[in-house]
Amino acid sequence: FTVWLDGACGSHLDGKPAQKYDFERYYALIRRLQPNCA
């Protein structure tokens, strides 16, 4: 019924570069696989 996302990005805590999340890609995938999902 839902996929619950957050934007947590603490990569500097592990000495890694910030990850740029492709939210639009995630949304499109969710819509395609579960069209009735919020």
Full PDB file with SEQRES, HELIX, SHEET, SSBOND, CRYST1, ORIGX, SCALE, CONECT and MASTER records, all heavy atoms in Angstrom:
SEQRES   1 A   38  PHE THR VAL TRP LEU ASP GLY ALA CYS GLY SER HIS LEU          
SEQRES   2 A   38  ASP GLY LYS PRO ALA GLN LYS TYR ASP PHE GLU ARG TYR          
SEQRES   3 A   38  TYR ALA LEU ILE ARG ARG LEU GLN PRO ASN CYS ALA              
HELIX    1 AA1 SER A   11  ASP A   14  5                                   4    
HELIX    2 AA2 PHE A   23  LEU A   33  1                                  11    
CRYST1    1.000    1.000    1.000  90.00  90.00  90.00 P 1           1          
ORIGX1      1.000000  0.000000  0.000000        0.00000                         
ORIGX2      0.000000  1.000000  0.000000        0.00000                         
ORIGX3      0.000000  0.000000  1.000000        0.00000                         
SCALE1      1.000000  0.000000  0.000000        0.00000                         
SCALE2      0.000000  1.000000  0.000000        0.00000                         
SCALE3      0.000000  0.000000  1.000000        0.00000                         
ATOM      1  N   PHE A   1       0.819  -1.206   0.000  1.00  0.00           N  
ATOM      2  CA  PHE A   1       0.000   0.000   0.000  1.00  0.00           C  
ATOM      3  C   PHE A   1       0.853   1.257   0.000  1.00  0.00           C  
ATOM      4  O   PHE A   1       0.397   2.324  -0.410  1.00  0.00           O  
ATOM      5  CB  PHE A   1      -0.972   0.006   1.187  1.00  0.00           C  
ATOM      6  CG  PHE A   1      -0.413   0.560   2.474  1.00  0.00           C  
ATOM      7  CD1 PHE A   1      -0.662   1.884   2.840  1.00  0.00           C  
ATOM      8  CD2 PHE A   1       0.337  -0.236   3.335  1.00  0.00           C  
ATOM      9  CE1 PHE A   1      -0.167   2.403   4.029  1.00  0.00           C  
ATOM     10  CE2 PHE A   1       0.825   0.277   4.519  1.00  0.00           C  
ATOM     11  CZ  PHE A   1       0.587   1.604   4.869  1.00  0.00           C  
ATOM     12  N   THR A   2       2.125   1.133   0.450  1.00  0.00           N  
ATOM     13  CA  THR A   2       3.011   2.296   0.429  1.00  0.00           C  
ATOM     14  C   THR A   2       4.472   1.862   0.416  1.00  0.00           C  
ATOM     15  O   THR A   2       4.818   0.781   0.917  1.00  0.00           O  
ATOM     16  CB  THR A   2       2.761   3.221   1.639  1.00  0.00           C  
ATOM     17  OG1 THR A   2       3.474   4.451   1.468  1.00  0.00           O  
ATOM     18  CG2 THR A   2       3.224   2.593   2.942  1.00  0.00           C  
ATOM     19  N   VAL A   3       5.300   2.704  -0.173  1.00  0.00           N  
ATOM     20  CA  VAL A   3       6.748   2.642   0.025  1.00  0.00           C  
ATOM     21  C   VAL A   3       7.100   3.934   0.756  1.00  0.00           C  
ATOM     22  O   VAL A   3       6.796   5.033   0.282  1.00  0.00           O  
ATOM     23  CB  VAL A   3       7.521   2.553  -1.303  1.00  0.00           C  
ATOM     24  CG1 VAL A   3       9.028   2.678  -1.057  1.00  0.00           C  
ATOM     25  CG2 VAL A   3       7.216   1.237  -2.002  1.00  0.00           C  
ATOM     26  N   TRP A   4       7.722   3.783   1.932  1.00  0.00           N  
ATOM     27  CA  TRP A   4       8.031   4.925   2.793  1.00  0.00           C  
ATOM     28  C   TRP A   4       9.509   5.257   2.632  1.00  0.00           C  
ATOM     29  O   TRP A   4      10.380   4.455   2.952  1.00  0.00           O  
ATOM     30  CB  TRP A   4       7.710   4.567   4.238  1.00  0.00           C  
ATOM     31  CG  TRP A   4       7.382   5.705   5.150  1.00  0.00           C  
ATOM     32  CD1 TRP A   4       6.141   6.157   5.466  1.00  0.00           C  
ATOM     33  CD2 TRP A   4       8.301   6.524   5.894  1.00  0.00           C  
ATOM     34  NE1 TRP A   4       6.221   7.204   6.358  1.00  0.00           N  
ATOM     35  CE2 TRP A   4       7.537   7.448   6.638  1.00  0.00           C  
ATOM     36  CE3 TRP A   4       9.690   6.558   6.011  1.00  0.00           C  
ATOM     37  CZ2 TRP A   4       8.119   8.400   7.481  1.00  0.00           C  
ATOM     38  CZ3 TRP A   4      10.276   7.514   6.839  1.00  0.00           C  
ATOM     39  CH2 TRP A   4       9.481   8.414   7.567  1.00  0.00           C  
ATOM     40  N   LEU A   5       9.780   6.448   2.119  1.00  0.00           N  
ATOM     41  CA  LEU A   5      11.152   6.864   1.824  1.00  0.00           C  
ATOM     42  C   LEU A   5      11.578   8.003   2.738  1.00  0.00           C  
ATOM     43  O   LEU A   5      10.754   8.794   3.184  1.00  0.00           O  
ATOM     44  CB  LEU A   5      11.252   7.344   0.368  1.00  0.00           C  
ATOM     45  CG  LEU A   5      10.858   6.366  -0.723  1.00  0.00           C  
ATOM     46  CD1 LEU A   5      10.843   7.071  -2.074  1.00  0.00           C  
ATOM     47  CD2 LEU A   5      11.821   5.183  -0.756  1.00  0.00           C  
ATOM     48  N   ASP A   6      12.878   8.092   3.004  1.00  0.00           N  
ATOM     49  CA  ASP A   6      13.410   9.311   3.594  1.00  0.00           C  
ATOM     50  C   ASP A   6      14.640   9.730   2.799  1.00  0.00           C  
ATOM     51  O   ASP A   6      15.087   9.016   1.901  1.00  0.00           O  
ATOM     52  CB  ASP A   6      13.701   9.169   5.092  1.00  0.00           C  
ATOM     53  CG  ASP A   6      14.809   8.196   5.425  1.00  0.00           C  
ATOM     54  OD1 ASP A   6      15.753   8.065   4.623  1.00  0.00           O  
ATOM     55  OD2 ASP A   6      14.764   7.593   6.510  1.00  0.00           O  
ATOM     56  N   GLY A   7      15.140  10.912   3.114  1.00  0.00           N  
ATOM     57  CA  GLY A   7      16.278  11.444   2.366  1.00  0.00           C  
ATOM     58  C   GLY A   7      17.564  11.402   3.145  1.00  0.00           C  
ATOM     59  O   GLY A   7      18.477  12.181   2.873  1.00  0.00           O  
ATOM     60  N   ALA A   8      17.639  10.508   4.148  1.00  0.00           N  
ATOM     61  CA  ALA A   8      18.825  10.440   5.001  1.00  0.00           C  
ATOM     62  C   ALA A   8      20.089  10.249   4.160  1.00  0.00           C  
ATOM     63  O   ALA A   8      20.134   9.394   3.273  1.00  0.00           O  
ATOM     64  CB  ALA A   8      18.694   9.288   5.995  1.00  0.00           C  
ATOM     65  N   CYS A   9      21.107  11.061   4.447  1.00  0.00           N  
ATOM     66  CA  CYS A   9      22.352  10.989   3.678  1.00  0.00           C  
ATOM     67  C   CYS A   9      23.506  11.479   4.546  1.00  0.00           C  
ATOM     68  O   CYS A   9      23.908  12.641   4.465  1.00  0.00           O  
ATOM     69  CB  CYS A   9      22.249  11.830   2.407  1.00  0.00           C  
ATOM     70  SG  CYS A   9      23.735  11.800   1.378  1.00  0.00           S  
ATOM     71  N   GLY A  10      24.026  10.593   5.398  1.00  0.00           N  
ATOM     72  CA  GLY A  10      25.125  10.969   6.286  1.00  0.00           C  
ATOM     73  C   GLY A  10      26.436  10.373   5.837  1.00  0.00           C  
ATOM     74  O   GLY A  10      27.234   9.903   6.653  1.00  0.00           O  
ATOM     75  N   SER A  11      26.694  10.388   4.537  1.00  0.00           N  
ATOM     76  CA  SER A  11      27.866   9.709   3.986  1.00  0.00           C  
ATOM     77  C   SER A  11      29.179  10.237   4.545  1.00  0.00           C  
ATOM     78  O   SER A  11      30.165   9.507   4.615  1.00  0.00           O  
ATOM     79  CB  SER A  11      27.866   9.827   2.464  1.00  0.00           C  
ATOM     80  OG  SER A  11      27.710  11.172   2.068  1.00  0.00           O  
ATOM     81  N   HIS A  12      29.210  11.517   4.965  1.00  0.00           N  
ATOM     82  CA  HIS A  12      30.455  12.067   5.494  1.00  0.00           C  
ATOM     83  C   HIS A  12      30.875  11.376   6.786  1.00  0.00           C  
ATOM     84  O   HIS A  12      32.045  11.398   7.163  1.00  0.00           O  
ATOM     85  CB  HIS A  12      30.315  13.571   5.723  1.00  0.00           C  
ATOM     86  CG  HIS A  12      29.323  13.929   6.777  1.00  0.00           C  
ATOM     87  ND1 HIS A  12      27.968  13.879   6.567  1.00  0.00           N  
ATOM     88  CD2 HIS A  12      29.490  14.340   8.062  1.00  0.00           C  
ATOM     89  CE1 HIS A  12      27.339  14.253   7.674  1.00  0.00           C  
ATOM     90  NE2 HIS A  12      28.254  14.544   8.596  1.00  0.00           N  
ATOM     91  N   LEU A  13      29.908  10.735   7.481  1.00  0.00           N  
ATOM     92  CA  LEU A  13      30.248  10.003   8.696  1.00  0.00           C  
ATOM     93  C   LEU A  13      31.161   8.824   8.396  1.00  0.00           C  
ATOM     94  O   LEU A  13      31.916   8.371   9.266  1.00  0.00           O  
ATOM     95  CB  LEU A  13      28.970   9.494   9.374  1.00  0.00           C  
ATOM     96  CG  LEU A  13      28.010  10.550   9.919  1.00  0.00           C  
ATOM     97  CD1 LEU A  13      26.755   9.892  10.453  1.00  0.00           C  
ATOM     98  CD2 LEU A  13      28.686  11.371  11.011  1.00  0.00           C  
ATOM     99  N   ASP A  14      31.094   8.319   7.171  1.00  0.00           N  
ATOM    100  CA  ASP A  14      31.901   7.167   6.772  1.00  0.00           C  
ATOM    101  C   ASP A  14      32.999   7.549   5.779  1.00  0.00           C  
ATOM    102  O   ASP A  14      33.582   6.668   5.131  1.00  0.00           O  
ATOM    103  CB  ASP A  14      30.989   6.093   6.171  1.00  0.00           C  
ATOM    104  CG  ASP A  14      29.883   5.676   7.131  1.00  0.00           C  
ATOM    105  OD1 ASP A  14      30.211   5.398   8.298  1.00  0.00           O  
ATOM    106  OD2 ASP A  14      28.706   5.655   6.723  1.00  0.00           O  
ATOM    107  N   GLY A  15      33.224   8.844   5.645  1.00  0.00           N  
ATOM    108  CA  GLY A  15      34.283   9.298   4.742  1.00  0.00           C  
ATOM    109  C   GLY A  15      33.975   9.082   3.280  1.00  0.00           C  
ATOM    110  O   GLY A  15      34.885   8.962   2.455  1.00  0.00           O  
ATOM    111  N   LYS A  16      32.693   9.061   2.932  1.00  0.00           N  
ATOM    112  CA  LYS A  16      32.298   8.844   1.544  1.00  0.00           C  
ATOM    113  C   LYS A  16      31.688  10.123   0.976  1.00  0.00           C  
ATOM    114  O   LYS A  16      31.169  10.952   1.715  1.00  0.00           O  
ATOM    115  CB  LYS A  16      31.268   7.706   1.450  1.00  0.00           C  
ATOM    116  CG  LYS A  16      31.811   6.343   1.828  1.00  0.00           C  
ATOM    117  CD  LYS A  16      30.728   5.278   1.650  1.00  0.00           C  
ATOM    118  CE  LYS A  16      31.266   3.888   1.961  1.00  0.00           C  
ATOM    119  NZ  LYS A  16      30.231   2.843   1.760  1.00  0.00           N  
ATOM    120  N   PRO A  17      31.740  10.289  -0.335  1.00  0.00           N  
ATOM    121  CA  PRO A  17      31.076  11.451  -0.938  1.00  0.00           C  
ATOM    122  C   PRO A  17      29.567  11.338  -0.794  1.00  0.00           C  
ATOM    123  O   PRO A  17      29.024  10.241  -0.650  1.00  0.00           O  
ATOM    124  CB  PRO A  17      31.502  11.376  -2.408  1.00  0.00           C  
ATOM    125  CG  PRO A  17      31.846   9.934  -2.635  1.00  0.00           C  
ATOM    126  CD  PRO A  17      32.418   9.441  -1.345  1.00  0.00           C  
ATOM    127  N   ALA A  18      28.899  12.486  -0.814  1.00  0.00           N  
ATOM    128  CA  ALA A  18      27.448  12.495  -0.687  1.00  0.00           C  
ATOM    129  C   ALA A  18      26.801  11.759  -1.850  1.00  0.00           C  
ATOM    130  O   ALA A  18      27.186  11.943  -3.005  1.00  0.00           O  
ATOM    131  CB  ALA A  18      26.934  13.928  -0.622  1.00  0.00           C  
ATOM    132  N   GLN A  19      25.842  10.917  -1.535  1.00  0.00           N  
ATOM    133  CA  GLN A  19      25.104  10.194  -2.552  1.00  0.00           C  
ATOM    134  C   GLN A  19      23.954  11.055  -3.049  1.00  0.00           C  
ATOM    135  O   GLN A  19      23.170  11.579  -2.261  1.00  0.00           O  
ATOM    136  CB  GLN A  19      24.537   8.890  -1.988  1.00  0.00           C  
ATOM    137  CG  GLN A  19      23.695   8.088  -2.966  1.00  0.00           C  
ATOM    138  CD  GLN A  19      24.536   7.453  -4.054  1.00  0.00           C  
ATOM    139  OE1 GLN A  19      25.566   6.859  -3.772  1.00  0.00           O  
ATOM    140  NE2 GLN A  19      24.094   7.572  -5.290  1.00  0.00           N  
ATOM    141  N   LYS A  20      23.853  11.234  -4.343  1.00  0.00           N  
ATOM    142  CA  LYS A  20      22.742  11.971  -4.916  1.00  0.00           C  
ATOM    143  C   LYS A  20      21.651  10.971  -5.298  1.00  0.00           C  
ATOM    144  O   LYS A  20      21.819  10.172  -6.220  1.00  0.00           O  
ATOM    145  CB  LYS A  20      23.194  12.766  -6.143  1.00  0.00           C  
ATOM    146  CG  LYS A  20      24.166  13.887  -5.801  1.00  0.00           C  
ATOM    147  CD  LYS A  20      24.549  14.695  -7.039  1.00  0.00           C  
ATOM    148  CE  LYS A  20      25.497  15.824  -6.678  1.00  0.00           C  
ATOM    149  NZ  LYS A  20      25.883  16.623  -7.876  1.00  0.00           N  
ATOM    150  N   TYR A  21      20.565  11.017  -4.564  1.00  0.00           N  
ATOM    151  CA  TYR A  21      19.474  10.072  -4.790  1.00  0.00           C  
ATOM    152  C   TYR A  21      18.656  10.486  -6.011  1.00  0.00           C  
ATOM    153  O   TYR A  21      18.245  11.640  -6.129  1.00  0.00           O  
ATOM    154  CB  TYR A  21      18.555  10.002  -3.569  1.00  0.00           C  
ATOM    155  CG  TYR A  21      19.247   9.611  -2.289  1.00  0.00           C  
ATOM    156  CD1 TYR A  21      18.954  10.268  -1.097  1.00  0.00           C  
ATOM    157  CD2 TYR A  21      20.181   8.580  -2.259  1.00  0.00           C  
ATOM    158  CE1 TYR A  21      19.567   9.912   0.090  1.00  0.00           C  
ATOM    159  CE2 TYR A  21      20.808   8.216  -1.080  1.00  0.00           C  
ATOM    160  CZ  TYR A  21      20.498   8.886   0.092  1.00  0.00           C  
ATOM    161  OH  TYR A  21      21.119   8.531   1.263  1.00  0.00           O  
ATOM    162  N   ASP A  22      18.410   9.536  -6.880  1.00  0.00           N  
ATOM    163  CA  ASP A  22      17.590   9.789  -8.058  1.00  0.00           C  
ATOM    164  C   ASP A  22      16.137   9.472  -7.718  1.00  0.00           C  
ATOM    165  O   ASP A  22      15.587   8.440  -8.119  1.00  0.00           O  
ATOM    166  CB  ASP A  22      18.078   8.927  -9.227  1.00  0.00           C  
ATOM    167  CG  ASP A  22      17.439   9.316 -10.550  1.00  0.00           C  
ATOM    168  OD1 ASP A  22      16.456  10.086 -10.525  1.00  0.00           O  
ATOM    169  OD2 ASP A  22      17.910   8.844 -11.601  1.00  0.00           O  
ATOM    170  N   PHE A  23      15.500  10.368  -6.949  1.00  0.00           N  
ATOM    171  CA  PHE A  23      14.138  10.122  -6.493  1.00  0.00           C  
ATOM    172  C   PHE A  23      13.166   9.914  -7.644  1.00  0.00           C  
ATOM    173  O   PHE A  23      12.276   9.063  -7.569  1.00  0.00           O  
ATOM    174  CB  PHE A  23      13.656  11.274  -5.613  1.00  0.00           C  
ATOM    175  CG  PHE A  23      14.145  11.204  -4.191  1.00  0.00           C  
ATOM    176  CD1 PHE A  23      15.123  12.074  -3.742  1.00  0.00           C  
ATOM    177  CD2 PHE A  23      13.627  10.268  -3.314  1.00  0.00           C  
ATOM    178  CE1 PHE A  23      15.573  12.011  -2.427  1.00  0.00           C  
ATOM    179  CE2 PHE A  23      14.076  10.200  -2.004  1.00  0.00           C  
ATOM    180  CZ  PHE A  23      15.051  11.081  -1.559  1.00  0.00           C  
ATOM    181  N   GLU A  24      13.330  10.671  -8.711  1.00  0.00           N  
ATOM    182  CA  GLU A  24      12.395  10.524  -9.829  1.00  0.00           C  
ATOM    183  C   GLU A  24      12.468   9.116 -10.422  1.00  0.00           C  
ATOM    184  O   GLU A  24      11.465   8.554 -10.848  1.00  0.00           O  
ATOM    185  CB  GLU A  24      12.680  11.582 -10.900  1.00  0.00           C  
ATOM    186  CG  GLU A  24      12.426  13.017 -10.450  1.00  0.00           C  
ATOM    187  CD  GLU A  24      10.997  13.241  -9.988  1.00  0.00           C  
ATOM    188  OE1 GLU A  24      10.081  12.596 -10.534  1.00  0.00           O  
ATOM    189  OE2 GLU A  24      10.799  14.063  -9.079  1.00  0.00           O  
ATOM    190  N   ARG A  25      13.662   8.556 -10.435  1.00  0.00           N  
ATOM    191  CA  ARG A  25      13.813   7.185 -10.907  1.00  0.00           C  
ATOM    192  C   ARG A  25      13.115   6.211  -9.953  1.00  0.00           C  
ATOM    193  O   ARG A  25      12.433   5.276 -10.402  1.00  0.00           O  
ATOM    194  CB  ARG A  25      15.298   6.830 -11.012  1.00  0.00           C  
ATOM    195  CG  ARG A  25      15.556   5.402 -11.496  1.00  0.00           C  
ATOM    196  CD  ARG A  25      17.041   5.083 -11.523  1.00  0.00           C  
ATOM    197  NE  ARG A  25      17.299   3.711 -11.914  1.00  0.00           N  
ATOM    198  CZ  ARG A  25      18.488   3.117 -11.871  1.00  0.00           C  
ATOM    199  NH1 ARG A  25      19.565   3.807 -11.455  1.00  0.00           N  
ATOM    200  NH2 ARG A  25      18.633   1.853 -12.237  1.00  0.00           N  
ATOM    201  N   TYR A  26      13.259   6.440  -8.637  1.00  0.00           N  
ATOM    202  CA  TYR A  26      12.594   5.568  -7.668  1.00  0.00           C  
ATOM    203  C   TYR A  26      11.079   5.646  -7.844  1.00  0.00           C  
ATOM    204  O   TYR A  26      10.392   4.612  -7.843  1.00  0.00           O  
ATOM    205  CB  TYR A  26      12.946   5.973  -6.231  1.00  0.00           C  
ATOM    206  CG  TYR A  26      14.403   6.124  -5.906  1.00  0.00           C  
ATOM    207  CD1 TYR A  26      14.808   6.885  -4.813  1.00  0.00           C  
ATOM    208  CD2 TYR A  26      15.398   5.510  -6.673  1.00  0.00           C  
ATOM    209  CE1 TYR A  26      16.139   7.038  -4.481  1.00  0.00           C  
ATOM    210  CE2 TYR A  26      16.741   5.664  -6.362  1.00  0.00           C  
ATOM    211  CZ  TYR A  26      17.108   6.432  -5.263  1.00  0.00           C  
ATOM    212  OH  TYR A  26      18.432   6.588  -4.940  1.00  0.00           O  
ATOM    213  N   TYR A  27      10.574   6.862  -7.985  1.00  0.00           N  
ATOM    214  CA  TYR A  27       9.130   7.032  -8.134  1.00  0.00           C  
ATOM    215  C   TYR A  27       8.612   6.294  -9.369  1.00  0.00           C  
ATOM    216  O   TYR A  27       7.590   5.602  -9.318  1.00  0.00           O  
ATOM    217  CB  TYR A  27       8.760   8.513  -8.260  1.00  0.00           C  
ATOM    218  CG  TYR A  27       9.159   9.399  -7.102  1.00  0.00           C  
ATOM    219  CD1 TYR A  27       9.213  10.780  -7.258  1.00  0.00           C  
ATOM    220  CD2 TYR A  27       9.480   8.875  -5.856  1.00  0.00           C  
ATOM    221  CE1 TYR A  27       9.567  11.617  -6.204  1.00  0.00           C  
ATOM    222  CE2 TYR A  27       9.848   9.700  -4.801  1.00  0.00           C  
ATOM    223  CZ  TYR A  27       9.891  11.073  -4.978  1.00  0.00           C  
ATOM    224  OH  TYR A  27      10.248  11.898  -3.954  1.00  0.00           O  
ATOM    225  N   ALA A  28       9.329   6.453 -10.474  1.00  0.00           N  
ATOM    226  CA  ALA A  28       8.891   5.819 -11.719  1.00  0.00           C  
ATOM    227  C   ALA A  28       8.881   4.302 -11.590  1.00  0.00           C  
ATOM    228  O   ALA A  28       7.965   3.625 -12.088  1.00  0.00           O  
ATOM    229  CB  ALA A  28       9.794   6.253 -12.870  1.00  0.00           C  
ATOM    230  N   LEU A  29       9.885   3.763 -10.893  1.00  0.00           N  
ATOM    231  CA  LEU A  29       9.959   2.311 -10.697  1.00  0.00           C  
ATOM    232  C   LEU A  29       8.801   1.819  -9.837  1.00  0.00           C  
ATOM    233  O   LEU A  29       8.150   0.811 -10.157  1.00  0.00           O  
ATOM    234  CB  LEU A  29      11.300   1.954 -10.051  1.00  0.00           C  
ATOM    235  CG  LEU A  29      11.535   0.463  -9.770  1.00  0.00           C  
ATOM    236  CD1 LEU A  29      11.579  -0.333 -11.073  1.00  0.00           C  
ATOM    237  CD2 LEU A  29      12.831   0.272  -8.982  1.00  0.00           C  
ATOM    238  N   ILE A  30       8.532   2.536  -8.753  1.00  0.00           N  
ATOM    239  CA  ILE A  30       7.432   2.155  -7.870  1.00  0.00           C  
ATOM    240  C   ILE A  30       6.099   2.220  -8.610  1.00  0.00           C  
ATOM    241  O   ILE A  30       5.270   1.309  -8.512  1.00  0.00           O  
ATOM    242  CB  ILE A  30       7.404   3.061  -6.624  1.00  0.00           C  
ATOM    243  CG1 ILE A  30       8.669   2.849  -5.783  1.00  0.00           C  
ATOM    244  CG2 ILE A  30       6.169   2.776  -5.774  1.00  0.00           C  
ATOM    245  CD1 ILE A  30       8.890   3.907  -4.713  1.00  0.00           C  
ATOM    246  N   ARG A  31       5.912   3.280  -9.380  1.00  0.00           N  
ATOM    247  CA  ARG A  31       4.658   3.421 -10.138  1.00  0.00           C  
ATOM    248  C   ARG A  31       4.482   2.274 -11.132  1.00  0.00           C  
ATOM    249  O   ARG A  31       3.371   1.786 -11.359  1.00  0.00           O  
ATOM    250  CB  ARG A  31       4.651   4.748 -10.892  1.00  0.00           C  
ATOM    251  CG  ARG A  31       4.629   5.989 -10.006  1.00  0.00           C  
ATOM    252  CD  ARG A  31       3.290   6.188  -9.348  1.00  0.00           C  
ATOM    253  NE  ARG A  31       3.175   7.508  -8.763  1.00  0.00           N  
ATOM    254  CZ  ARG A  31       2.787   7.760  -7.523  1.00  0.00           C  
ATOM    255  NH1 ARG A  31       2.473   6.752  -6.719  1.00  0.00           N  
ATOM    256  NH2 ARG A  31       2.698   8.992  -7.075  1.00  0.00           N  
ATOM    257  N   ARG A  32       5.587   1.858 -11.742  1.00  0.00           N  
ATOM    258  CA  ARG A  32       5.502   0.785 -12.739  1.00  0.00           C  
ATOM    259  C   ARG A  32       5.220  -0.567 -12.086  1.00  0.00           C  
ATOM    260  O   ARG A  32       4.388  -1.342 -12.571  1.00  0.00           O  
ATOM    261  CB  ARG A  32       6.802   0.723 -13.546  1.00  0.00           C  
ATOM    262  CG  ARG A  32       6.824  -0.377 -14.599  1.00  0.00           C  
ATOM    263  CD  ARG A  32       8.008  -0.239 -15.535  1.00  0.00           C  
ATOM    264  NE  ARG A  32       9.283  -0.334 -14.858  1.00  0.00           N  
ATOM    265  CZ  ARG A  32       9.896  -1.502 -14.543  1.00  0.00           C  
ATOM    266  NH1 ARG A  32       9.307  -2.654 -14.845  1.00  0.00           N  
ATOM    267  NH2 ARG A  32      11.065  -1.505 -13.960  1.00  0.00           N  
ATOM    268  N   LEU A  33       5.902  -0.859 -10.974  1.00  0.00           N  
ATOM    269  CA  LEU A  33       5.781  -2.177 -10.345  1.00  0.00           C  
ATOM    270  C   LEU A  33       4.553  -2.299  -9.444  1.00  0.00           C  
ATOM    271  O   LEU A  33       3.978  -3.381  -9.316  1.00  0.00           O  
ATOM    272  CB  LEU A  33       7.043  -2.484  -9.535  1.00  0.00           C  
ATOM    273  CG  LEU A  33       8.348  -2.566 -10.328  1.00  0.00           C  
ATOM    274  CD1 LEU A  33       9.523  -2.829  -9.389  1.00  0.00           C  
ATOM    275  CD2 LEU A  33       8.265  -3.661 -11.393  1.00  0.00           C  
ATOM    276  N   GLN A  34       4.181  -1.183  -8.794  1.00  0.00           N  
ATOM    277  CA  GLN A  34       3.035  -1.192  -7.883  1.00  0.00           C  
ATOM    278  C   GLN A  34       2.206   0.072  -8.134  1.00  0.00           C  
ATOM    279  O   GLN A  34       2.266   1.038  -7.366  1.00  0.00           O  
ATOM    280  CB  GLN A  34       3.514  -1.229  -6.427  1.00  0.00           C  
ATOM    281  CG  GLN A  34       4.229  -2.501  -6.026  1.00  0.00           C  
ATOM    282  CD  GLN A  34       3.284  -3.534  -5.407  1.00  0.00           C  
ATOM    283  OE1 GLN A  34       2.112  -3.280  -5.186  1.00  0.00           O  
ATOM    284  NE2 GLN A  34       3.822  -4.709  -5.118  1.00  0.00           N  
ATOM    285  N   PRO A  35       1.440   0.089  -9.205  1.00  0.00           N  
ATOM    286  CA  PRO A  35       0.718   1.316  -9.592  1.00  0.00           C  
ATOM    287  C   PRO A  35      -0.291   1.801  -8.558  1.00  0.00           C  
ATOM    288  O   PRO A  35      -0.669   2.973  -8.576  1.00  0.00           O  
ATOM    289  CB  PRO A  35       0.036   0.929 -10.901  1.00  0.00           C  
ATOM    290  CG  PRO A  35       0.017  -0.557 -10.912  1.00  0.00           C  
ATOM    291  CD  PRO A  35       1.231  -1.008 -10.172  1.00  0.00           C  
ATOM    292  N   ASN A  36      -0.729   0.933  -7.653  1.00  0.00           N  
ATOM    293  CA  ASN A  36      -1.715   1.335  -6.648  1.00  0.00           C  
ATOM    294  C   ASN A  36      -1.084   1.680  -5.299  1.00  0.00           C  
ATOM    295  O   ASN A  36      -1.777   1.793  -4.288  1.00  0.00           O  
ATOM    296  CB  ASN A  36      -2.755   0.224  -6.454  1.00  0.00           C  
ATOM    297  CG  ASN A  36      -3.512  -0.075  -7.730  1.00  0.00           C  
ATOM    298  OD1 ASN A  36      -3.881   0.837  -8.471  1.00  0.00           O  
ATOM    299  ND2 ASN A  36      -3.736  -1.353  -8.018  1.00  0.00           N  
ATOM    300  N   CYS A  37       0.226   1.845  -5.296  1.00  0.00           N  
ATOM    301  CA  CYS A  37       0.988   2.076  -4.072  1.00  0.00           C  
ATOM    302  C   CYS A  37       1.241   3.570  -3.883  1.00  0.00           C  
ATOM    303  O   CYS A  37       1.639   4.264  -4.816  1.00  0.00           O  
ATOM    304  CB  CYS A  37       2.306   1.304  -4.180  1.00  0.00           C  
ATOM    305  SG  CYS A  37       3.479   1.600  -2.870  1.00  0.00           S  
ATOM    306  N   ALA A  38       1.030   4.061  -2.662  1.00  0.00           N  
ATOM    307  CA  ALA A  38       1.347   5.450  -2.339  1.00  0.00           C  
ATOM    308  C   ALA A  38       2.826   5.571  -1.987  1.00  0.00           C  
ATOM    309  O   ALA A  38       3.405   4.651  -1.404  1.00  0.00           O  
ATOM    310  CB  ALA A  38       0.492   5.939  -1.174  1.00  0.00           C  
TER     311      ALA A  38                                                      
MASTER        0    0    0    2    0    0    0    6  310    1    0    3          
END                                                                             
